[in-house]
Amino acid sequence: MKITYWISAVLLVAMAFASFGASAQNANSGKAEGQYKDFKTELMWEAKVKIANMINVGESKRGVRRVIPIAGGTFSGPKIKGEVLPGGEDWQLVRPDGDTELNARYLLKTDDGIVIQVINQALMHAPSAGEEGGFYVKSVIDLEAPTDSKYNYLNHAIFLGTLTVPQLKPNEEPYVIIGVYKLL
């Protein structure tokens, strides 16, 4: 429930700010219908996040709880790169309707030594038989960088994410690919 509220709140705030800015910019146009139909994004980085064995907490009053430890990894983008620090976790809730809510919190360390906090809240949906659409997983990402660093710009935008679970090769450690995109 909390994740759904948080994601909705972030998107509503983003849309409110965007609408305010658009209204001021387009006061003379008289027609703003469909203005935000096609949001634009910019790739910030892709992260290869190593994951450890899942801890199955079990059935709760809200669904099945599980925790996946984050064991490390790397990330790289046009303006930033570094490592995913071990020690974070992805807390998951498999809801009674079959969807999974993910709530990950972990740290990145840039190649120049700056630590950035990541809070990644996602929704994963696998369609049931006969349901239209394919597998869906998207997230809202909150980044917190030191304000006195060259990465302060990460504190002033909305970020969306993708999650890819690759097919592992024999003896390959489990990992996921997380794409981070700035909403323009």
Protein backbone atom coordinates (compact mmCIF):
# COMPACT_ATOMS: atom_id res chain seq x y z
CA MET A 1 0.00 0.00 0.00
CA LYS A 2 2.81 2.40 0.93
CA ILE A 3 4.71 1.87 -2.33
CA THR A 4 1.60 2.47 -4.45
CA TYR A 5 0.87 5.67 -2.52
CA TRP A 6 4.48 6.85 -2.84
CA ILE A 7 4.66 6.17 -6.58
CA SER A 8 1.30 7.89 -7.11
CA ALA A 9 2.36 10.87 -5.01
CA VAL A 10 5.65 11.32 -6.87
CA LEU A 11 3.97 11.11 -10.26
CA LEU A 12 1.20 13.51 -9.22
CA VAL A 13 3.74 16.04 -7.93
CA ALA A 14 5.76 15.72 -11.14
CA MET A 15 2.65 16.19 -13.25
CA ALA A 16 1.52 19.16 -11.15
CA PHE A 17 4.88 20.90 -11.58
CA ALA A 18 4.94 20.05 -15.27
CA SER A 19 1.39 21.37 -15.72
CA PHE A 20 2.25 24.58 -13.86
CA GLY A 21 5.31 25.13 -16.05
CA ALA A 22 3.41 24.25 -19.20
CA SER A 23 0.56 26.59 -18.31
CA ALA A 24 2.98 29.46 -17.84
CA GLN A 25 4.89 28.66 -21.03
CA ASN A 26 1.83 28.07 -23.16
CA ALA A 27 -0.54 30.71 -21.86
CA ASN A 28 -0.91 32.08 -25.38
CA SER A 29 -1.46 28.75 -27.09
CA GLY A 30 -4.90 28.15 -25.57
CA LYS A 31 -4.60 24.41 -26.20
CA ALA A 32 -2.65 22.16 -23.83
CA GLU A 33 -4.60 18.96 -24.46
CA GLY A 34 -2.33 15.94 -24.77
CA GLN A 35 0.77 17.98 -24.05
CA TYR A 36 2.34 15.33 -21.84
CA LYS A 37 1.21 12.36 -23.86
CA ASP A 38 4.79 11.46 -24.79
CA PHE A 39 7.22 12.06 -21.95
CA LYS A 40 10.89 12.26 -22.92
CA THR A 41 13.69 10.62 -20.94
CA GLU A 42 17.48 10.64 -20.90
CA LEU A 43 19.52 7.55 -19.99
CA MET A 44 21.58 8.26 -16.89
CA TRP A 45 23.14 4.80 -16.45
CA GLU A 46 22.67 1.08 -16.55
CA ALA A 47 23.63 -0.93 -13.49
CA LYS A 48 24.56 -4.58 -13.33
CA VAL A 49 23.46 -5.41 -9.79
CA LYS A 50 24.66 -8.67 -8.29
CA ILE A 51 22.09 -10.33 -6.04
CA ALA A 52 22.44 -12.97 -3.35
CA ASN A 53 20.08 -15.80 -2.43
CA MET A 54 16.53 -14.76 -1.69
CA ILE A 55 15.34 -14.88 1.91
CA ASN A 56 11.71 -16.03 1.99
CA VAL A 57 10.06 -14.29 4.96
CA GLY A 58 6.75 -16.01 4.24
CA GLU A 59 3.05 -15.22 4.07
CA SER A 60 2.02 -11.98 5.75
CA LYS A 61 -1.26 -10.15 6.06
CA ARG A 62 -0.43 -8.31 2.80
CA GLY A 63 1.03 -11.18 0.76
CA VAL A 64 4.29 -13.11 0.53
CA ARG A 65 7.33 -11.22 1.81
CA ARG A 66 10.84 -11.88 0.60
CA VAL A 67 14.19 -10.09 0.74
CA ILE A 68 16.95 -10.20 -1.85
CA PRO A 69 20.36 -8.97 -0.61
CA ILE A 70 22.34 -6.78 -3.00
CA ALA A 71 25.88 -8.14 -3.23
CA GLY A 72 27.57 -5.46 -5.37
CA GLY A 73 27.95 -4.67 -9.04
CA THR A 74 28.82 -1.86 -11.42
CA PHE A 75 27.06 1.02 -13.15
CA SER A 76 27.95 3.17 -16.13
CA GLY A 77 26.39 6.00 -18.09
CA PRO A 78 27.40 8.92 -20.30
CA LYS A 79 28.36 11.18 -17.34
CA ILE A 80 28.82 8.80 -14.42
CA LYS A 81 30.19 5.36 -13.53
CA GLY A 82 31.26 3.35 -10.54
CA GLU A 83 30.32 0.43 -8.35
CA VAL A 84 27.19 -0.79 -6.59
CA LEU A 85 28.21 -1.24 -2.96
CA PRO A 86 27.30 -4.51 -1.23
CA GLY A 87 24.91 -4.31 1.71
CA GLY A 88 21.69 -3.03 0.17
CA GLU A 89 18.47 -5.02 -0.01
CA ASP A 90 15.42 -5.41 -2.18
CA TRP A 91 12.34 -5.98 -0.01
CA GLN A 92 9.56 -7.54 -2.05
CA LEU A 93 5.87 -8.16 -1.55
CA VAL A 94 4.04 -10.61 -3.78
CA ARG A 95 0.48 -9.33 -3.48
CA PRO A 96 -2.64 -11.54 -3.45
CA ASP A 97 -3.37 -10.39 -7.04
CA GLY A 98 0.01 -11.78 -8.17
CA ASP A 99 1.79 -8.47 -8.76
CA THR A 100 5.09 -7.89 -6.98
CA GLU A 101 6.08 -4.63 -5.31
CA LEU A 102 9.83 -4.10 -4.99
CA ASN A 103 11.40 -1.65 -2.57
CA ALA A 104 15.18 -1.58 -2.96
CA ARG A 105 17.61 0.60 -1.05
CA TYR A 106 21.32 0.57 -1.79
CA LEU A 107 24.39 2.73 -2.38
CA LEU A 108 26.44 3.60 -5.45
CA LYS A 109 30.04 4.77 -5.26
CA THR A 110 31.24 6.76 -8.26
CA ASP A 111 34.70 6.22 -9.74
CA ASP A 112 35.74 9.52 -8.11
CA GLY A 113 34.61 8.39 -4.64
CA ILE A 114 31.17 10.00 -4.19
CA VAL A 115 28.47 7.87 -2.51
CA ILE A 116 24.89 8.18 -3.81
CA GLN A 117 21.84 6.66 -2.13
CA VAL A 118 19.29 4.90 -4.32
CA ILE A 119 15.71 4.10 -3.33
CA ASN A 120 14.06 2.16 -6.14
CA GLN A 121 10.36 1.33 -5.88
CA ALA A 122 8.98 -0.86 -8.64
CA LEU A 123 5.89 -2.74 -9.73
CA MET A 124 6.17 -6.05 -11.56
CA HIS A 125 3.19 -7.58 -13.37
CA ALA A 126 3.08 -10.83 -15.33
CA PRO A 127 -0.11 -11.08 -17.37
CA SER A 128 -2.40 -14.00 -16.70
CA ALA A 129 -3.61 -16.26 -19.51
CA GLY A 130 -5.79 -14.31 -21.90
CA GLU A 131 -4.73 -10.92 -20.53
CA GLU A 132 -3.46 -8.42 -23.09
CA GLY A 133 0.00 -6.94 -22.79
CA GLY A 134 3.30 -8.47 -21.84
CA PHE A 135 5.46 -8.63 -18.77
CA TYR A 136 5.61 -5.20 -17.11
CA VAL A 137 8.16 -3.84 -14.66
CA LYS A 138 8.85 -0.12 -14.15
CA SER A 139 10.03 1.91 -11.19
CA VAL A 140 10.30 5.34 -9.64
CA ILE A 141 13.80 6.03 -8.36
CA ASP A 142 14.81 8.54 -5.70
CA LEU A 143 18.48 9.53 -5.84
CA GLU A 144 20.27 11.36 -3.05
CA ALA A 145 23.71 12.77 -3.85
CA PRO A 146 25.86 15.03 -1.66
CA THR A 147 24.90 18.63 -2.39
CA ASP A 148 28.55 19.73 -2.47
CA SER A 149 29.42 17.20 -5.19
CA LYS A 150 29.34 17.43 -8.98
CA TYR A 151 26.41 14.96 -8.80
CA ASN A 152 24.12 17.44 -7.03
CA TYR A 153 22.06 17.58 -10.26
CA LEU A 154 20.69 14.12 -9.33
CA ASN A 155 18.82 15.74 -6.42
CA HIS A 156 16.72 17.90 -8.74
CA ALA A 157 14.88 15.54 -11.09
CA ILE A 158 12.44 12.64 -11.30
CA PHE A 159 13.94 9.31 -12.36
CA LEU A 160 12.23 6.27 -13.82
CA GLY A 161 13.69 2.81 -14.06
CA THR A 162 13.59 -0.46 -15.91
CA LEU A 163 14.53 -3.91 -14.68
CA THR A 164 15.82 -6.76 -16.82
CA VAL A 165 16.40 -10.26 -15.49
CA PRO A 166 18.92 -11.82 -17.89
CA GLN A 167 19.24 -15.48 -18.77
CA LEU A 168 22.24 -16.65 -16.75
CA LYS A 169 25.07 -18.65 -18.27
CA PRO A 170 26.33 -21.77 -16.44
CA ASN A 171 28.21 -20.84 -13.24
CA GLU A 172 27.35 -17.14 -13.64
CA GLU A 173 26.45 -15.25 -10.45
CA PRO A 174 22.85 -13.95 -10.43
CA TYR A 175 22.33 -10.31 -11.33
CA VAL A 176 19.77 -7.89 -12.72
CA ILE A 177 20.16 -4.93 -15.07
CA ILE A 178 18.63 -1.67 -13.88
CA GLY A 179 18.22 1.20 -16.32
CA VAL A 180 17.94 4.68 -14.79
CA TYR A 181 16.32 7.44 -16.84
CA LYS A 182 15.83 11.12 -16.06
CA LEU A 183 12.35 12.41 -16.87
CA LEU A 184 12.86 15.53 -18.99
